Amino acid sequence: MAEKPQPVQVPYCGVCGLPAEYCEFGPDFEKCKPWLIRNAPQLYPDLIQESNSKEADGVSDQLQSFSITDSTGPSGSSALKQEPVKRLPGGKIKKKDKQEVIIEKVTRNKRKSITTIKGLELFGVKLSDASKKLGKKFATGASVVKGPTEKDQIDVQGDIAYDIVEFITDTWPDVPETAIFFIEDGKKVPAV
């Protein structure tokens, strides 16, 4: 009887998240090289030879670039601390959400409409409290729901777009009027 074949173990890069043999096609191959040399040397034997020859030259160059009195590094100027860039699998950079409130009116069943409010949580507003206040102020049903992009939003029954900007800026002073936008005919229009 033949021996049962075993599944192949694929090593994934700890830097970019791609399979190790595909790192050279990813966005950060230079950053992946040290990880590949340590964890997957059988895939890139030429990298090991290249790194060994560079180490001998690189160590002496680094030592010469530093001085005893200068603790800022080889560039001679103190490096500004930057916030680390968050990366998604595959090396894509995660974008920060813009701080803006988007109000959209969706019509259903010809005469009925729903006003959707997105982005209040970016200003530190609790959506559950906001939906209660909106429901009381406009005497309608209001609830927190997940939108199509998997982010929470507030759905308010009825067309309340006429008073919503004034109510938001009065109730939550952290939300500036310039950060509120309406979606009309598929275009984003400032509320001001």
C-alpha atoms as a PDB file:
ATOM      1  CA  MET A   1       0.000   0.000   0.000  1.00  0.00           C
ATOM      2  CA  ALA A   2       1.366   3.447  -0.962  1.00  0.00           C
ATOM      3  CA  GLU A   3       2.209   5.977   1.690  1.00  0.00           C
ATOM      4  CA  LYS A   4      -0.329   8.770   2.023  1.00  0.00           C
ATOM      5  CA  PRO A   5       1.087  12.120   0.771  1.00  0.00           C
ATOM      6  CA  GLN A   6       1.473  14.795   3.440  1.00  0.00           C
ATOM      7  CA  PRO A   7       0.280  18.389   2.958  1.00  0.00           C
ATOM      8  CA  VAL A   8       2.897  20.952   2.000  1.00  0.00           C
ATOM      9  CA  GLN A   9       3.830  23.450   4.706  1.00  0.00           C
ATOM     10  CA  VAL A  10       4.051  26.930   3.153  1.00  0.00           C
ATOM     11  CA  PRO A  11       6.051  29.533   5.133  1.00  0.00           C
ATOM     12  CA  TYR A  12       4.429  32.981   5.155  1.00  0.00           C
ATOM     13  CA  CYS A  13       6.558  36.128   5.401  1.00  0.00           C
ATOM     14  CA  GLY A  14       6.394  37.850   8.777  1.00  0.00           C
ATOM     15  CA  VAL A  15       6.798  41.282   7.145  1.00  0.00           C
ATOM     16  CA  CYS A  16       4.400  41.417   4.191  1.00  0.00           C
ATOM     17  CA  GLY A  17       2.198  38.380   4.847  1.00  0.00           C
ATOM     18  CA  LEU A  18       2.746  36.808   1.430  1.00  0.00           C
ATOM     19  CA  PRO A  19       4.036  33.264   0.951  1.00  0.00           C
ATOM     20  CA  ALA A  20       7.832  33.422   1.241  1.00  0.00           C
ATOM     21  CA  GLU A  21       8.462  32.462  -2.393  1.00  0.00           C
ATOM     22  CA  TYR A  22       6.329  35.430  -3.554  1.00  0.00           C
ATOM     23  CA  CYS A  23       8.009  38.088  -1.380  1.00  0.00           C
ATOM     24  CA  GLU A  24      10.198  39.276  -4.233  1.00  0.00           C
ATOM     25  CA  PHE A  25       7.044  40.326  -6.107  1.00  0.00           C
ATOM     26  CA  GLY A  26       5.559  42.174  -3.122  1.00  0.00           C
ATOM     27  CA  PRO A  27       5.868  45.892  -2.339  1.00  0.00           C
ATOM     28  CA  ASP A  28       8.541  45.602   0.405  1.00  0.00           C
ATOM     29  CA  PHE A  29      11.076  43.051  -0.762  1.00  0.00           C
ATOM     30  CA  GLU A  30      13.962  45.045   0.743  1.00  0.00           C
ATOM     31  CA  LYS A  31      12.264  44.893   4.160  1.00  0.00           C
ATOM     32  CA  CYS A  32      11.512  41.181   3.696  1.00  0.00           C
ATOM     33  CA  LYS A  33      15.120  40.175   2.925  1.00  0.00           C
ATOM     34  CA  PRO A  34      16.343  39.917   6.562  1.00  0.00           C
ATOM     35  CA  TRP A  35      13.305  37.844   7.505  1.00  0.00           C
ATOM     36  CA  LEU A  36      13.799  35.553   4.508  1.00  0.00           C
ATOM     37  CA  ILE A  37      17.476  35.005   5.336  1.00  0.00           C
ATOM     38  CA  ARG A  38      16.601  33.979   8.913  1.00  0.00           C
ATOM     39  CA  ASN A  39      13.440  31.950   8.301  1.00  0.00           C
ATOM     40  CA  ALA A  40      13.489  30.645   4.711  1.00  0.00           C
ATOM     41  CA  PRO A  41      17.140  30.316   3.605  1.00  0.00           C
ATOM     42  CA  GLN A  42      16.409  27.335   1.341  1.00  0.00           C
ATOM     43  CA  LEU A  43      14.238  29.521  -0.935  1.00  0.00           C
ATOM     44  CA  TYR A  44      16.814  32.266  -1.542  1.00  0.00           C
ATOM     45  CA  PRO A  45      20.384  30.916  -1.210  1.00  0.00           C
ATOM     46  CA  ASP A  46      21.730  33.823  -3.293  1.00  0.00           C
ATOM     47  CA  LEU A  47      20.428  36.280  -0.650  1.00  0.00           C
ATOM     48  CA  ILE A  48      22.548  34.603   2.034  1.00  0.00           C
ATOM     49  CA  GLN A  49      25.728  34.927  -0.030  1.00  0.00           C
ATOM     50  CA  GLU A  50      24.866  38.521  -0.890  1.00  0.00           C
ATOM     51  CA  SER A  51      24.167  39.437   2.739  1.00  0.00           C
ATOM     52  CA  ASN A  52      27.393  37.839   3.996  1.00  0.00           C
ATOM     53  CA  SER A  53      29.477  39.921   1.583  1.00  0.00           C
ATOM     54  CA  LYS A  54      27.562  43.098   2.473  1.00  0.00           C
ATOM     55  CA  GLU A  55      27.865  42.495   6.226  1.00  0.00           C
ATOM     56  CA  ALA A  56      31.632  42.672   6.102  1.00  0.00           C
ATOM     57  CA  ASP A  57      31.545  45.985   4.220  1.00  0.00           C
ATOM     58  CA  GLY A  58      28.460  47.397   5.986  1.00  0.00           C
ATOM     59  CA  VAL A  59      29.661  47.010   9.583  1.00  0.00           C
ATOM     60  CA  SER A  60      32.816  49.012   9.016  1.00  0.00           C
ATOM     61  CA  ASP A  61      30.864  51.692   7.117  1.00  0.00           C
ATOM     62  CA  GLN A  62      28.334  52.006   9.940  1.00  0.00           C
ATOM     63  CA  LEU A  63      31.028  52.293  12.592  1.00  0.00           C
ATOM     64  CA  GLN A  64      32.756  55.061  10.652  1.00  0.00           C
ATOM     65  CA  SER A  65      29.519  57.025  10.235  1.00  0.00           C
ATOM     66  CA  PHE A  66      28.895  57.228  14.005  1.00  0.00           C
ATOM     67  CA  SER A  67      30.878  59.464  16.313  1.00  0.00           C
ATOM     68  CA  ILE A  68      31.195  59.499  20.086  1.00  0.00           C
ATOM     69  CA  THR A  69      29.770  62.990  20.571  1.00  0.00           C
ATOM     70  CA  ASP A  70      26.973  62.640  18.016  1.00  0.00           C
ATOM     71  CA  SER A  71      24.197  60.344  19.241  1.00  0.00           C
ATOM     72  CA  THR A  72      21.744  61.185  16.476  1.00  0.00           C
ATOM     73  CA  GLY A  73      22.948  58.534  14.023  1.00  0.00           C
ATOM     74  CA  PRO A  74      24.663  58.466  10.654  1.00  0.00           C
ATOM     75  CA  SER A  75      22.504  61.182   9.093  1.00  0.00           C
ATOM     76  CA  GLY A  76      23.623  63.787  11.636  1.00  0.00           C
ATOM     77  CA  SER A  77      20.104  65.029  12.379  1.00  0.00           C
ATOM     78  CA  SER A  78      17.588  63.721  14.827  1.00  0.00           C
ATOM     79  CA  ALA A  79      14.927  61.663  13.133  1.00  0.00           C
ATOM     80  CA  LEU A  80      11.341  62.832  13.479  1.00  0.00           C
ATOM     81  CA  LYS A  81       9.161  60.201  15.068  1.00  0.00           C
ATOM     82  CA  GLN A  82       6.572  59.185  12.530  1.00  0.00           C
ATOM     83  CA  GLU A  83       3.488  57.168  13.272  1.00  0.00           C
ATOM     84  CA  PRO A  84       3.970  53.628  11.977  1.00  0.00           C
ATOM     85  CA  VAL A  85       2.065  52.910   8.786  1.00  0.00           C
ATOM     86  CA  LYS A  86      -0.557  50.210   9.229  1.00  0.00           C
ATOM     87  CA  ARG A  87      -0.409  47.601   6.495  1.00  0.00           C
ATOM     88  CA  LEU A  88      -3.068  45.158   5.438  1.00  0.00           C
ATOM     89  CA  PRO A  89      -2.216  41.666   4.164  1.00  0.00           C
ATOM     90  CA  GLY A  90      -0.551  41.881   0.786  1.00  0.00           C
ATOM     91  CA  GLY A  91       1.318  45.072   1.690  1.00  0.00           C
ATOM     92  CA  LYS A  92      -1.531  47.521   1.076  1.00  0.00           C
ATOM     93  CA  ILE A  93      -1.440  50.643   3.225  1.00  0.00           C
ATOM     94  CA  LYS A  94      -4.465  51.257   5.432  1.00  0.00           C
ATOM     95  CA  LYS A  95      -5.861  54.734   4.936  1.00  0.00           C
ATOM     96  CA  LYS A  96      -7.035  56.822   7.844  1.00  0.00           C
ATOM     97  CA  ASP A  97     -10.687  57.791   7.849  1.00  0.00           C
ATOM     98  CA  LYS A  98     -11.370  61.457   7.180  1.00  0.00           C
ATOM     99  CA  GLN A  99     -13.181  63.174  10.007  1.00  0.00           C
ATOM    100  CA  GLU A 100     -16.430  64.043   8.324  1.00  0.00           C
ATOM    101  CA  VAL A 101     -20.118  63.406   8.846  1.00  0.00           C
ATOM    102  CA  ILE A 102     -22.019  62.270   5.764  1.00  0.00           C
ATOM    103  CA  ILE A 103     -25.813  62.609   5.598  1.00  0.00           C
ATOM    104  CA  GLU A 104     -27.708  60.749   2.910  1.00  0.00           C
ATOM    105  CA  LYS A 105     -31.437  60.498   2.183  1.00  0.00           C
ATOM    106  CA  VAL A 106     -32.594  57.159   0.773  1.00  0.00           C
ATOM    107  CA  THR A 107     -36.122  56.852  -0.621  1.00  0.00           C
ATOM    108  CA  ARG A 108     -38.075  53.632  -0.162  1.00  0.00           C
ATOM    109  CA  ASN A 109     -41.632  52.718  -1.195  1.00  0.00           C
ATOM    110  CA  LYS A 110     -42.097  55.909  -3.258  1.00  0.00           C
ATOM    111  CA  ARG A 111     -43.051  58.297  -0.423  1.00  0.00           C
ATOM    112  CA  LYS A 112     -41.165  56.966   2.577  1.00  0.00           C
ATOM    113  CA  SER A 113     -37.541  57.935   3.186  1.00  0.00           C
ATOM    114  CA  ILE A 114     -34.672  57.148   5.540  1.00  0.00           C
ATOM    115  CA  THR A 115     -31.935  59.590   6.513  1.00  0.00           C
ATOM    116  CA  THR A 116     -28.563  57.913   7.047  1.00  0.00           C
ATOM    117  CA  ILE A 117     -25.858  59.580   9.164  1.00  0.00           C
ATOM    118  CA  LYS A 118     -22.300  58.238   8.879  1.00  0.00           C
ATOM    119  CA  GLY A 119     -19.090  59.323  10.597  1.00  0.00           C
ATOM    120  CA  LEU A 120     -20.288  60.682  13.956  1.00  0.00           C
ATOM    121  CA  GLU A 121     -18.151  58.107  15.814  1.00  0.00           C
ATOM    122  CA  LEU A 122     -14.979  59.728  14.387  1.00  0.00           C
ATOM    123  CA  PHE A 123     -15.702  62.763  16.582  1.00  0.00           C
ATOM    124  CA  GLY A 124     -16.062  60.709  19.778  1.00  0.00           C
ATOM    125  CA  VAL A 125     -19.869  60.557  19.708  1.00  0.00           C
ATOM    126  CA  LYS A 126     -21.505  57.367  21.000  1.00  0.00           C
ATOM    127  CA  LEU A 127     -23.825  56.236  18.234  1.00  0.00           C
ATOM    128  CA  SER A 128     -26.368  54.634  20.585  1.00  0.00           C
ATOM    129  CA  ASP A 129     -26.752  57.915  22.517  1.00  0.00           C
ATOM    130  CA  ALA A 130     -26.891  59.894  19.284  1.00  0.00           C
ATOM    131  CA  SER A 131     -29.653  57.708  17.855  1.00  0.00           C
ATOM    132  CA  LYS A 132     -31.732  58.175  21.041  1.00  0.00           C
ATOM    133  CA  LYS A 133     -31.329  61.955  20.890  1.00  0.00           C
ATOM    134  CA  LEU A 134     -32.181  62.057  17.186  1.00  0.00           C
ATOM    135  CA  GLY A 135     -35.268  59.900  17.737  1.00  0.00           C
ATOM    136  CA  LYS A 136     -36.510  62.147  20.546  1.00  0.00           C
ATOM    137  CA  LYS A 137     -35.750  65.408  18.752  1.00  0.00           C
ATOM    138  CA  PHE A 138     -37.442  64.480  15.472  1.00  0.00           C
ATOM    139  CA  ALA A 139     -40.118  62.153  16.975  1.00  0.00           C
ATOM    140  CA  THR A 140     -39.149  59.254  14.689  1.00  0.00           C
ATOM    141  CA  GLY A 141     -37.524  55.868  14.918  1.00  0.00           C
ATOM    142  CA  ALA A 142     -33.726  55.914  14.917  1.00  0.00           C
ATOM    143  CA  SER A 143     -31.337  52.990  15.160  1.00  0.00           C
ATOM    144  CA  VAL A 144     -27.672  52.084  14.816  1.00  0.00           C
ATOM    145  CA  VAL A 145     -27.091  49.655  11.931  1.00  0.00           C
ATOM    146  CA  LYS A 146     -24.123  48.261  10.029  1.00  0.00           C
ATOM    147  CA  GLY A 147     -23.740  49.912   6.644  1.00  0.00           C
ATOM    148  CA  PRO A 148     -22.547  48.323   3.410  1.00  0.00           C
ATOM    149  CA  THR A 149     -18.902  48.984   4.373  1.00  0.00           C
ATOM    150  CA  GLU A 150     -19.315  47.143   7.720  1.00  0.00           C
ATOM    151  CA  LYS A 151     -19.165  50.424   9.653  1.00  0.00           C
ATOM    152  CA  ASP A 152     -21.888  51.531  12.040  1.00  0.00           C
ATOM    153  CA  GLN A 153     -24.248  54.272  10.939  1.00  0.00           C
ATOM    154  CA  ILE A 154     -27.480  55.804  12.199  1.00  0.00           C
ATOM    155  CA  ASP A 155     -30.698  55.307  10.255  1.00  0.00           C
ATOM    156  CA  VAL A 156     -33.498  57.780  11.059  1.00  0.00           C
ATOM    157  CA  GLN A 157     -36.967  57.302   9.614  1.00  0.00           C
ATOM    158  CA  GLY A 158     -38.174  60.248   7.581  1.00  0.00           C
ATOM    159  CA  ASP A 159     -36.577  63.157   5.763  1.00  0.00           C
ATOM    160  CA  ILE A 160     -34.907  65.185   8.522  1.00  0.00           C
ATOM    161  CA  ALA A 161     -32.109  66.667   6.407  1.00  0.00           C
ATOM    162  CA  TYR A 162     -33.537  70.177   6.801  1.00  0.00           C
ATOM    163  CA  ASP A 163     -32.708  70.448  10.543  1.00  0.00           C
ATOM    164  CA  ILE A 164     -30.026  67.824  11.059  1.00  0.00           C
ATOM    165  CA  VAL A 165     -26.942  70.065  10.582  1.00  0.00           C
ATOM    166  CA  GLU A 166     -28.067  72.590  13.192  1.00  0.00           C
ATOM    167  CA  PHE A 167     -28.999  69.810  15.627  1.00  0.00           C
ATOM    168  CA  ILE A 168     -25.635  68.038  15.251  1.00  0.00           C
ATOM    169  CA  THR A 169     -23.568  71.207  15.734  1.00  0.00           C
ATOM    170  CA  ASP A 170     -25.646  72.308  18.748  1.00  0.00           C
ATOM    171  CA  THR A 171     -25.696  68.913  20.470  1.00  0.00           C
ATOM    172  CA  TRP A 172     -22.054  67.955  19.798  1.00  0.00           C
ATOM    173  CA  PRO A 173     -19.831  71.060  19.624  1.00  0.00           C
ATOM    174  CA  ASP A 174     -16.812  68.901  18.656  1.00  0.00           C
ATOM    175  CA  VAL A 175     -18.365  68.400  15.214  1.00  0.00           C
ATOM    176  CA  PRO A 176     -17.649  71.494  13.085  1.00  0.00           C
ATOM    177  CA  GLU A 177     -20.213  72.553  10.497  1.00  0.00           C
ATOM    178  CA  THR A 178     -17.518  72.412   7.798  1.00  0.00           C
ATOM    179  CA  ALA A 179     -17.112  68.652   8.389  1.00  0.00           C
ATOM    180  CA  ILE A 180     -20.766  67.863   7.534  1.00  0.00           C
ATOM    181  CA  PHE A 181     -21.614  66.826   3.981  1.00  0.00           C
ATOM    182  CA  PHE A 182     -24.776  65.786   2.141  1.00  0.00           C
ATOM    183  CA  ILE A 183     -24.915  63.165  -0.595  1.00  0.00           C
ATOM    184  CA  GLU A 184     -27.166  64.504  -3.348  1.00  0.00           C
ATOM    185  CA  ASP A 185     -27.500  62.726  -6.687  1.00  0.00           C
ATOM    186  CA  GLY A 186     -24.379  60.679  -5.923  1.00  0.00           C
ATOM    187  CA  LYS A 187     -22.215  63.760  -5.252  1.00  0.00           C
ATOM    188  CA  LYS A 188     -20.841  64.955  -1.934  1.00  0.00           C
ATOM    189  CA  VAL A 189     -22.021  68.516  -1.226  1.00  0.00           C
ATOM    190  CA  PRO A 190     -20.903  70.598   1.798  1.00  0.00           C
ATOM    191  CA  ALA A 191     -23.705  71.399   4.244  1.00  0.00           C
ATOM    192  CA  VAL A 192     -22.498  74.971   4.758  1.00  0.00           C
END
